[in-house]
Amino acid sequence: MRKLLVLFISMAFLASNAQERKIEFEEYDLPNGLHVILHQDNSTPIVAVSSAYHVGSKDEEVGKTGFAHFFEHVASRKSENIPVGGFTDYVSDAGGTRNATTNFDRTYYYELLPSNQLELGLWLESERMFNMIVDTGVVETQREVVKEERRLRNDNQPYGTLIEEILVRSFKEHNYRWPVIGSMADLDRATVADFEAFKNKFYVPNNAVLSIAGDINIEETKKLVELYFGEFEKGPEISRQKIVEPEQKMEVVDTVYDNVQLPALVMAYHIPAIGTDDYYAMNMLNLILANGQSSRMNKKLVDETQLAVFAGAFDLASEDPGISMAFGVANAGVSLVDVEDAMQGEIDRMKNELVPDREFQKVLNQVENNFISGNSSMAGIAGSLANYYLIRGNTNLINTELQKFLAVTPQDVQNVAKKYLKDSNRVVLHWLPKPQ
């Protein structure tokens, strides 16, 4: 009873701390459909200007994969008023930094600038949204850049195609079945007209969020937003594919041979979409299993038995139901059968035993720390605001989502372990060195 009381008091303390860190913001829509989110923090002379587009690899078509990621490159290349390389040069000359990312569900761009360069950031994002150039020169250059990126990060990297091999076996209907970087054969076949059509469909204001955080004045920033984005027209309504992946009813077991020295065992389970009650419990489950040196899999497989040199687990958080992966890289001379037995033992513990209070409290502390750290910078806040609105339809989750994690109980974790960590709901891959 005393342990439970301590746990509940600690949870209340975490919740109280989170509420004290409330992030204020204003949001509104322009007539062309662009959603604008503004967060004012004048503590440091820095501003983050970002744009997020509701398009990721799941919005692609069979035979035209990799387009969303490809546009991450193309959209930062040149525009009608910005020469090749200008996006980077303008930001660098102003003393700022810029970056972009693509995932299954969205594409995101941002500039982090001195606050007196706010207009520069707005101009760059306006040029990206309305005046991007997609021509033969840009397409051919970036085609080669993406190919080299795939070679370096995937094809020539040990275990580099692991996620790709898991996805193609986990999904039969949904577009999550291919990797974000896509197929090089598809990109080779694609024409400038194909890419232009993709841009005209998805890079429109009514499919985007403009998120600005930092040393700004709200009313002055609204005028600047209107100046740089207000004159442009709304794009066509987007018809999205609604694909429901059929329930997996039988375990899939397969073997992959790769240029690796040590074999690995990978288990992937179907999990619910981000934002659902079960998603929060599954996220906590993965932290318990494999977050850091003191996690269960690391302690069991690496420290205690030395069956593995590395063990981990993570979920691919996605807008539609996704997957959660657990893996172990075997130590030299260790059989994957022994690795699998040890991993299965830890999974069975999650299903058969409640997580002890002390261990659960540690994970709650990690969750709060991760949540606060992610929103400790202007770039982090701008990104969170954009993503919460774009993917979840609720910008204020930046202030309330932590409560959803803190509401998870050890019983919830056990329940989702029983519900989702079933043999019939998983893909198991034996990742083996290629025969000499």
Protein backbone atom coordinates (compact mmCIF):
# COMPACT_ATOMS: atom_id res chain seq x y z
CA MET A 1 0.00 0.00 0.00
CA ARG A 2 2.83 2.37 0.90
CA LYS A 3 4.51 1.77 -2.50
CA LEU A 4 1.29 2.58 -4.33
CA LEU A 5 0.87 5.77 -2.31
CA VAL A 6 4.40 6.88 -3.18
CA LEU A 7 3.73 6.11 -6.86
CA PHE A 8 0.52 8.13 -6.96
CA ILE A 9 2.14 11.08 -5.14
CA SER A 10 5.03 11.03 -7.62
CA MET A 11 2.64 10.94 -10.57
CA ALA A 12 0.73 13.90 -9.16
CA PHE A 13 4.01 15.79 -8.72
CA LEU A 14 5.00 15.12 -12.34
CA ALA A 15 1.58 16.22 -13.58
CA SER A 16 1.81 19.43 -11.54
CA ASN A 17 5.27 20.21 -12.95
CA ALA A 18 4.06 19.60 -16.50
CA GLN A 19 1.11 21.97 -16.08
CA GLU A 20 3.45 24.72 -14.85
CA ARG A 21 5.32 24.52 -18.16
CA LYS A 22 2.31 25.37 -20.30
CA ILE A 23 3.19 26.59 -23.77
CA GLU A 24 0.99 29.45 -24.93
CA PHE A 25 0.16 29.80 -28.62
CA GLU A 26 -2.28 31.33 -31.07
CA GLU A 27 -3.56 29.56 -34.16
CA TYR A 28 -5.76 30.56 -37.07
CA ASP A 29 -6.39 29.83 -40.75
CA LEU A 30 -5.74 32.06 -43.73
CA PRO A 31 -8.48 32.17 -46.40
CA ASN A 32 -6.33 29.88 -48.59
CA GLY A 33 -6.44 27.17 -45.92
CA LEU A 34 -2.94 27.58 -44.49
CA HIS A 35 -3.01 26.86 -40.75
CA VAL A 36 -0.78 29.24 -38.77
CA ILE A 37 0.49 28.63 -35.22
CA LEU A 38 2.40 31.33 -33.31
CA HIS A 39 4.26 30.95 -30.01
CA GLN A 40 5.87 34.04 -28.48
CA ASP A 41 8.88 33.64 -26.18
CA ASN A 42 11.06 36.73 -25.91
CA SER A 43 13.61 35.23 -23.53
CA THR A 44 16.24 34.78 -26.24
CA PRO A 45 16.62 36.54 -29.63
CA ILE A 46 15.92 33.39 -31.65
CA VAL A 47 13.01 32.38 -33.88
CA ALA A 48 12.12 29.05 -35.49
CA VAL A 49 10.13 29.26 -38.72
CA SER A 50 8.74 25.94 -39.93
CA SER A 51 6.38 24.47 -42.47
CA ALA A 52 4.87 20.99 -42.27
CA TYR A 53 3.06 19.28 -45.13
CA HIS A 54 0.58 16.48 -44.57
CA VAL A 55 2.28 14.14 -47.00
CA GLY A 56 4.53 11.20 -46.31
CA SER A 57 5.40 7.89 -47.87
CA LYS A 58 1.95 6.47 -47.11
CA ASP A 59 0.46 9.02 -49.57
CA GLU A 60 2.46 7.62 -52.47
CA GLU A 61 1.29 5.17 -55.11
CA VAL A 62 2.54 1.73 -56.00
CA GLY A 63 5.24 2.26 -58.60
CA LYS A 64 5.85 5.82 -57.42
CA THR A 65 7.44 5.30 -54.03
CA GLY A 66 9.97 7.66 -52.46
CA PHE A 67 8.33 10.83 -53.81
CA ALA A 68 7.70 12.42 -50.39
CA HIS A 69 11.31 12.02 -49.32
CA PHE A 70 12.52 13.08 -52.75
CA PHE A 71 10.63 16.35 -52.34
CA GLU A 72 12.39 17.00 -49.07
CA HIS A 73 15.45 17.45 -51.29
CA VAL A 74 13.78 19.14 -54.25
CA ALA A 75 11.89 21.68 -52.15
CA SER A 76 15.14 22.96 -50.66
CA ARG A 77 16.94 23.30 -53.99
CA LYS A 78 15.68 26.43 -55.78
CA SER A 79 12.63 28.55 -56.52
CA GLU A 80 11.64 31.27 -58.95
CA ASN A 81 13.46 33.81 -56.78
CA ILE A 82 16.12 31.67 -55.09
CA PRO A 83 19.08 30.24 -57.02
CA VAL A 84 20.44 26.72 -56.60
CA GLY A 85 21.83 26.38 -53.10
CA GLY A 86 20.23 29.64 -52.02
CA PHE A 87 18.05 28.15 -49.28
CA THR A 88 21.17 27.05 -47.42
CA ASP A 89 23.26 30.11 -48.26
CA TYR A 90 20.67 32.65 -47.11
CA VAL A 91 20.22 30.91 -43.75
CA SER A 92 23.94 30.40 -43.21
CA ASP A 93 24.76 34.01 -44.09
CA ALA A 94 22.15 35.15 -41.55
CA GLY A 95 23.79 33.08 -38.81
CA GLY A 96 21.09 30.42 -38.72
CA THR A 97 20.60 26.71 -39.36
CA ARG A 98 18.03 24.73 -41.33
CA ASN A 99 16.91 21.14 -41.71
CA ALA A 100 14.14 18.90 -43.02
CA THR A 101 12.73 15.43 -42.31
CA THR A 102 10.25 13.05 -43.92
CA ASN A 103 8.39 10.13 -42.37
CA PHE A 104 5.42 7.91 -43.20
CA ASP A 105 2.89 10.70 -42.60
CA ARG A 106 4.41 14.16 -43.05
CA THR A 107 7.28 16.27 -44.44
CA TYR A 108 8.77 19.01 -42.28
CA TYR A 109 11.12 21.98 -42.91
CA TYR A 110 12.48 24.59 -40.53
CA GLU A 111 14.92 27.47 -40.18
CA LEU A 112 16.34 28.54 -36.82
CA LEU A 113 17.35 32.18 -37.12
CA PRO A 114 18.23 35.30 -35.14
CA SER A 115 14.86 36.91 -34.44
CA ASN A 116 15.68 39.95 -36.57
CA GLN A 117 15.70 37.54 -39.54
CA LEU A 118 12.06 36.46 -39.12
CA GLU A 119 11.13 37.85 -42.53
CA LEU A 120 13.89 35.82 -44.16
CA GLY A 121 12.40 32.62 -42.77
CA LEU A 122 8.90 33.58 -43.91
CA TRP A 123 10.16 34.44 -47.39
CA LEU A 124 12.03 31.13 -47.72
CA GLU A 125 9.00 29.08 -46.65
CA SER A 126 6.74 31.12 -48.95
CA GLU A 127 9.08 30.46 -51.86
CA ARG A 128 9.12 26.76 -51.01
CA MET A 129 5.34 26.58 -50.86
CA PHE A 130 4.40 28.67 -53.88
CA ASN A 131 7.40 29.13 -56.18
CA MET A 132 9.33 25.86 -55.99
CA ILE A 133 10.96 24.88 -59.29
CA VAL A 134 10.81 21.26 -60.43
CA ASP A 135 12.82 20.98 -63.63
CA THR A 136 15.12 18.47 -65.28
CA GLY A 137 18.26 19.90 -63.68
CA VAL A 138 16.86 19.75 -60.15
CA VAL A 139 15.30 16.30 -60.62
CA GLU A 140 18.39 14.65 -62.10
CA THR A 141 20.73 16.14 -59.49
CA GLN A 142 18.56 15.12 -56.56
CA ARG A 143 17.89 11.69 -58.07
CA GLU A 144 21.60 10.96 -57.71
CA VAL A 145 21.74 12.50 -54.23
CA VAL A 146 18.92 10.26 -52.99
CA LYS A 147 20.52 7.18 -54.56
CA GLU A 148 23.76 7.91 -52.73
CA GLU A 149 21.85 8.51 -49.49
CA ARG A 150 20.21 5.09 -49.82
CA ARG A 151 23.54 3.41 -50.53
CA LEU A 152 25.18 5.02 -47.50
CA ARG A 153 22.33 4.64 -45.01
CA ASN A 154 20.65 1.45 -46.16
CA ASP A 155 22.22 -0.78 -48.77
CA ASN A 156 25.86 -0.55 -47.64
CA GLN A 157 25.17 -0.33 -43.91
CA PRO A 158 25.10 -3.44 -41.68
CA TYR A 159 21.43 -4.13 -40.80
CA GLY A 160 20.61 -1.04 -42.92
CA THR A 161 17.63 -2.64 -44.65
CA LEU A 162 16.24 -4.19 -41.47
CA ILE A 163 13.20 -1.92 -41.21
CA GLU A 164 12.54 -2.28 -44.93
CA GLU A 165 12.53 -6.08 -44.65
CA ILE A 166 10.21 -5.92 -41.64
CA LEU A 167 7.76 -3.54 -43.32
CA VAL A 168 7.32 -5.61 -46.47
CA ARG A 169 6.45 -8.67 -44.36
CA SER A 170 4.28 -6.82 -41.82
CA PHE A 171 2.01 -4.98 -44.27
CA LYS A 172 0.23 -6.56 -47.20
CA GLU A 173 -2.19 -3.77 -48.16
CA HIS A 174 -1.19 -0.55 -46.40
CA ASN A 175 1.37 1.82 -47.90
CA TYR A 176 3.52 1.48 -44.79
CA ARG A 177 4.82 -1.64 -46.52
CA TRP A 178 7.62 0.30 -48.24
CA PRO A 179 10.35 2.43 -46.63
CA VAL A 180 10.24 6.22 -46.60
CA ILE A 181 13.21 6.46 -48.94
CA GLY A 182 11.29 4.37 -51.46
CA SER A 183 12.48 2.32 -54.40
CA MET A 184 15.34 3.55 -56.53
CA ALA A 185 13.75 1.84 -59.52
CA ASP A 186 10.60 3.93 -58.97
CA LEU A 187 12.60 7.15 -58.73
CA ASP A 188 14.56 6.23 -61.86
CA ARG A 189 11.33 5.74 -63.83
CA ALA A 190 9.70 8.93 -62.55
CA THR A 191 9.51 11.90 -64.90
CA VAL A 192 9.56 15.62 -64.24
CA ALA A 193 5.82 15.61 -64.99
CA ASP A 194 5.27 12.98 -62.25
CA PHE A 195 7.09 15.11 -59.71
CA GLU A 196 5.30 18.27 -60.84
CA ALA A 197 1.94 16.54 -60.33
CA PHE A 198 2.99 15.44 -56.83
CA LYS A 199 3.97 19.00 -55.96
CA ASN A 200 0.71 20.47 -57.27
CA LYS A 201 -1.33 17.97 -55.27
CA PHE A 202 0.39 18.13 -51.88
CA TYR A 203 2.46 21.34 -51.68
CA VAL A 204 -0.54 23.62 -51.29
CA PRO A 205 -1.44 25.92 -48.37
CA ASN A 206 -4.54 23.93 -47.37
CA ASN A 207 -2.29 20.89 -46.81
CA ALA A 208 0.27 22.73 -44.70
CA VAL A 209 0.95 24.22 -41.29
CA LEU A 210 3.16 27.27 -40.74
CA SER A 211 4.52 27.16 -37.19
CA ILE A 212 6.59 30.01 -35.75
CA ALA A 213 8.11 30.00 -32.27
CA GLY A 214 10.43 32.40 -30.52
CA ASP A 215 11.24 36.06 -30.09
CA ILE A 216 8.31 37.54 -32.01
CA ASN A 217 5.46 39.98 -31.56
CA ILE A 218 2.22 38.13 -32.31
CA GLU A 219 0.36 40.96 -34.03
CA GLU A 220 3.33 42.07 -36.13
CA THR A 221 4.00 38.46 -37.13
CA LYS A 222 0.40 38.03 -38.28
CA LYS A 223 0.86 40.98 -40.65
CA LEU A 224 4.05 39.45 -42.03
CA VAL A 225 2.37 36.07 -42.49
CA GLU A 226 -0.40 37.76 -44.45
CA LEU A 227 2.20 39.60 -46.54
CA TYR A 228 4.14 36.49 -47.52
CA PHE A 229 1.35 33.87 -47.67
CA GLY A 230 -2.00 35.63 -47.90
CA GLU A 231 -2.06 36.50 -51.61
CA PHE A 232 -1.85 32.90 -52.81
CA GLU A 233 -4.85 30.75 -53.63
CA LYS A 234 -6.07 27.58 -52.02
CA GLY A 235 -5.05 24.34 -53.72
CA PRO A 236 -7.41 21.57 -54.85
CA GLU A 237 -8.98 19.38 -52.18
CA ILE A 238 -6.87 16.30 -51.53
CA SER A 239 -8.42 12.88 -51.87
CA ARG A 240 -6.49 10.54 -49.58
CA GLN A 241 -6.20 6.79 -49.72
CA LYS A 242 -7.93 5.08 -46.80
CA ILE A 243 -6.30 1.69 -46.56
CA VAL A 244 -7.01 -0.58 -43.61
CA GLU A 245 -4.43 -3.30 -43.10
CA PRO A 246 -6.13 -6.68 -42.54
CA GLU A 247 -5.53 -8.28 -39.15
CA GLN A 248 -2.53 -10.57 -39.13
CA LYS A 249 -3.66 -14.00 -37.93
CA MET A 250 -0.53 -16.11 -38.35
CA GLU A 251 3.09 -15.63 -37.32
CA VAL A 252 5.49 -14.87 -40.17
CA VAL A 253 9.01 -16.27 -39.80
CA ASP A 254 11.72 -15.63 -42.37
CA THR A 255 15.48 -15.44 -42.86
CA VAL A 256 17.50 -12.58 -44.36
CA TYR A 257 21.16 -12.89 -45.35
CA ASP A 258 23.23 -9.73 -45.12
CA ASN A 259 26.82 -8.49 -45.08
CA VAL A 260 27.06 -8.64 -41.29
CA GLN A 261 29.41 -10.41 -38.90
CA LEU A 262 26.92 -11.07 -36.12
CA PRO A 263 23.43 -12.53 -36.55
CA ALA A 264 20.39 -10.73 -35.15
CA LEU A 265 16.88 -11.67 -34.13
CA VAL A 266 14.05 -9.21 -34.87
CA MET A 267 10.43 -9.37 -33.73
CA ALA A 268 7.84 -6.91 -35.06
CA TYR A 269 4.28 -6.61 -33.73
CA HIS A 270 1.33 -4.67 -35.10
CA ILE A 271 0.32 -1.85 -32.74
CA PRO A 272 -2.42 0.82 -32.64
CA ALA A 273 -2.15 4.28 -34.19
CA ILE A 274 -0.47 7.13 -32.36
CA GLY A 275 -2.74 8.94 -29.92
CA THR A 276 -4.93 5.98 -28.96
CA ASP A 277 -5.07 4.83 -25.33
CA ASP A 278 -3.29 1.59 -26.19
CA TYR A 279 -0.54 3.51 -27.99
CA TYR A 280 0.53 5.25 -24.77
CA ALA A 281 0.67 1.98 -22.88
CA MET A 282 2.66 0.33 -25.70
CA ASN A 283 5.11 3.23 -25.67
CA MET A 284 5.63 2.73 -21.94
CA LEU A 285 6.05 -1.00 -22.50
CA ASN A 286 8.88 -0.41 -24.98
CA LEU A 287 10.64 1.94 -22.57
CA ILE A 288 10.52 -0.76 -19.90
CA LEU A 289 11.78 -3.41 -22.29
CA ALA A 290 14.62 -1.57 -23.95
CA ASN A 291 15.22 2.06 -23.00
CA GLY A 292 18.80 2.38 -21.84
CA GLN A 293 21.30 0.33 -19.91
CA SER A 294 18.90 -0.55 -17.10
CA SER A 295 16.10 -1.77 -19.39
CA ARG A 296 14.98 -5.37 -19.12
CA MET A 297 16.29 -6.68 -22.42
CA ASN A 298 19.65 -4.97 -22.03
CA LYS A 299 20.10 -6.29 -18.50
CA LYS A 300 19.04 -9.83 -19.42
CA LEU A 301 20.60 -10.32 -22.84
CA VAL A 302 23.67 -8.09 -22.61
CA ASP A 303 24.69 -7.77 -18.95
CA GLU A 304 23.53 -10.96 -17.26
CA THR A 305 23.73 -13.68 -19.93
CA GLN A 306 25.97 -11.95 -22.51
CA LEU A 307 23.89 -13.53 -25.22
CA ALA A 308 23.79 -10.26 -27.16
CA VAL A 309 26.04 -7.29 -27.79
CA PHE A 310 23.01 -5.06 -28.18
CA ALA A 311 19.28 -5.33 -27.52
CA GLY A 312 16.52 -2.81 -28.05
CA ALA A 313 12.90 -2.09 -28.82
CA PHE A 314 11.06 0.83 -30.37
CA ASP A 315 7.78 1.61 -32.08
CA LEU A 316 7.28 3.29 -35.44
CA ALA A 317 4.73 5.83 -34.22
CA SER A 318 2.40 6.54 -37.11
CA GLU A 319 -0.91 8.13 -38.03
CA ASP A 320 -2.41 4.74 -38.92
CA PRO A 321 -1.74 1.52 -36.97
CA GLY A 322 1.96 0.71 -37.21
CA ILE A 323 4.49 -1.71 -35.75
CA SER A 324 6.66 -2.14 -32.68
CA MET A 325 10.06 -3.82 -33.02
CA ALA A 326 12.26 -5.69 -30.56
CA PHE A 327 15.69 -6.96 -31.57
CA GLY A 328 18.89 -8.49 -30.29
CA VAL A 329 22.30 -8.70 -32.00
CA ALA A 330 23.86 -12.00 -30.94
CA ASN A 331 27.27 -12.23 -29.35
CA ALA A 332 29.97 -14.14 -31.22
CA GLY A 333 29.23 -17.85 -31.23
CA VAL A 334 25.75 -17.47 -29.70
CA SER A 335 22.82 -19.21 -31.34
CA LEU A 336 19.82 -17.09 -32.37
CA VAL A 337 17.66 -19.74 -30.73
CA ASP A 338 19.11 -18.73 -27.36
CA VAL A 339 18.66 -15.04 -28.15
CA GLU A 340 15.05 -15.64 -29.16
CA ASP A 341 14.33 -17.65 -26.02
CA ALA A 342 15.73 -14.86 -23.84
CA MET A 343 13.77 -12.17 -25.67
CA GLN A 344 10.61 -14.22 -25.49
CA GLY A 345 11.18 -14.68 -21.77
CA GLU A 346 11.18 -10.91 -21.24
CA ILE A 347 8.07 -10.52 -23.41
CA ASP A 348 6.32 -13.22 -21.42
CA ARG A 349 7.23 -11.43 -18.18
CA MET A 350 5.46 -8.33 -19.49
CA LYS A 351 2.36 -10.40 -20.13
CA ASN A 352 2.39 -12.41 -16.90
CA GLU A 353 3.65 -9.97 -14.26
CA LEU A 354 2.83 -6.41 -13.31
CA VAL A 355 5.75 -4.01 -13.57
CA PRO A 356 6.99 -3.25 -10.03
CA ASP A 357 6.23 0.24 -8.73
CA ARG A 358 9.87 1.36 -8.52
CA GLU A 359 10.62 0.31 -12.10
CA PHE A 360 7.42 1.91 -13.36
CA GLN A 361 8.23 5.17 -11.58
CA LYS A 362 11.63 5.28 -13.26
CA VAL A 363 9.98 5.02 -16.67
CA LEU A 364 7.49 7.76 -15.76
CA ASN A 365 10.44 10.00 -14.92
CA GLN A 366 12.02 9.19 -18.29
CA VAL A 367 8.79 10.01 -20.11
CA GLU A 368 8.52 13.40 -18.43
CA ASN A 369 12.17 14.15 -19.10
CA ASN A 370 11.84 13.21 -22.78
CA PHE A 371 8.66 15.25 -23.15
CA ILE A 372 10.13 18.37 -21.56
CA SER A 373 13.47 18.02 -23.38
CA GLY A 374 11.68 17.79 -26.72
CA ASN A 375 10.00 21.13 -26.05
CA SER A 376 12.97 22.90 -24.47
CA SER A 377 14.06 24.71 -27.66
CA MET A 378 12.27 26.96 -30.11
CA ALA A 379 12.86 24.46 -32.91
CA GLY A 380 11.39 21.69 -30.76
CA ILE A 381 8.33 23.74 -29.84
CA ALA A 382 7.67 24.79 -33.44
CA GLY A 383 7.92 21.17 -34.56
CA SER A 384 5.66 19.86 -31.80
CA LEU A 385 3.00 22.48 -32.45
CA ALA A 386 2.98 21.69 -36.17
CA ASN A 387 2.90 17.92 -35.72
CA TYR A 388 0.18 17.92 -33.10
CA TYR A 389 -2.11 19.90 -35.36
CA LEU A 390 -1.19 18.23 -38.64
CA ILE A 391 -1.34 14.59 -37.53
CA ARG A 392 -3.56 14.69 -34.47
CA GLY A 393 -5.82 17.69 -35.12
CA ASN A 394 -5.20 19.09 -31.62
CA THR A 395 -2.39 21.62 -31.17
CA ASN A 396 -2.91 21.82 -27.41
CA LEU A 397 -1.62 18.27 -27.01
CA ILE A 398 1.72 20.02 -26.54
CA ASN A 399 0.37 20.87 -23.08
CA THR A 400 -1.80 17.86 -22.35
CA GLU A 401 -0.26 14.75 -23.91
CA LEU A 402 2.07 14.13 -20.98
CA GLN A 403 -1.02 13.59 -18.86
CA LYS A 404 -2.00 10.72 -21.14
CA PHE A 405 1.33 9.03 -20.48
CA LEU A 406 1.09 9.67 -16.74
CA ALA A 407 -2.38 8.11 -16.71
CA VAL A 408 -0.97 4.76 -17.87
CA THR A 409 -0.85 2.15 -15.11
CA PRO A 410 1.14 -1.09 -14.73
CA GLN A 411 -2.12 -2.93 -15.41
CA ASP A 412 -2.52 -1.04 -18.71
CA VAL A 413 0.98 -2.11 -19.74
CA GLN A 414 0.22 -5.73 -18.93
CA ASN A 415 -3.06 -5.54 -20.83
CA VAL A 416 -1.46 -4.27 -24.06
CA ALA A 417 1.32 -6.83 -23.74
CA LYS A 418 -1.30 -9.57 -23.72
CA LYS A 419 -3.32 -7.93 -26.48
CA TYR A 420 -0.56 -7.15 -28.99
CA LEU A 421 2.53 -9.23 -28.14
CA LYS A 422 1.02 -12.42 -29.56
CA ASP A 423 2.84 -14.83 -31.84
CA SER A 424 0.03 -14.58 -34.40
CA ASN A 425 0.50 -10.78 -34.51
CA ARG A 426 4.19 -10.70 -35.32
CA VAL A 427 6.93 -11.08 -37.89
CA VAL A 428 10.15 -12.79 -36.79
CA LEU A 429 13.31 -12.32 -38.84
CA HIS A 430 16.54 -14.26 -38.45
CA TRP A 431 19.20 -11.87 -39.76
CA LEU A 432 22.21 -13.96 -40.74
CA PRO A 433 25.66 -13.33 -42.26
CA LYS A 434 25.86 -14.17 -45.94
CA PRO A 435 27.58 -17.52 -46.56
CA GLN A 436 31.20 -17.03 -47.61
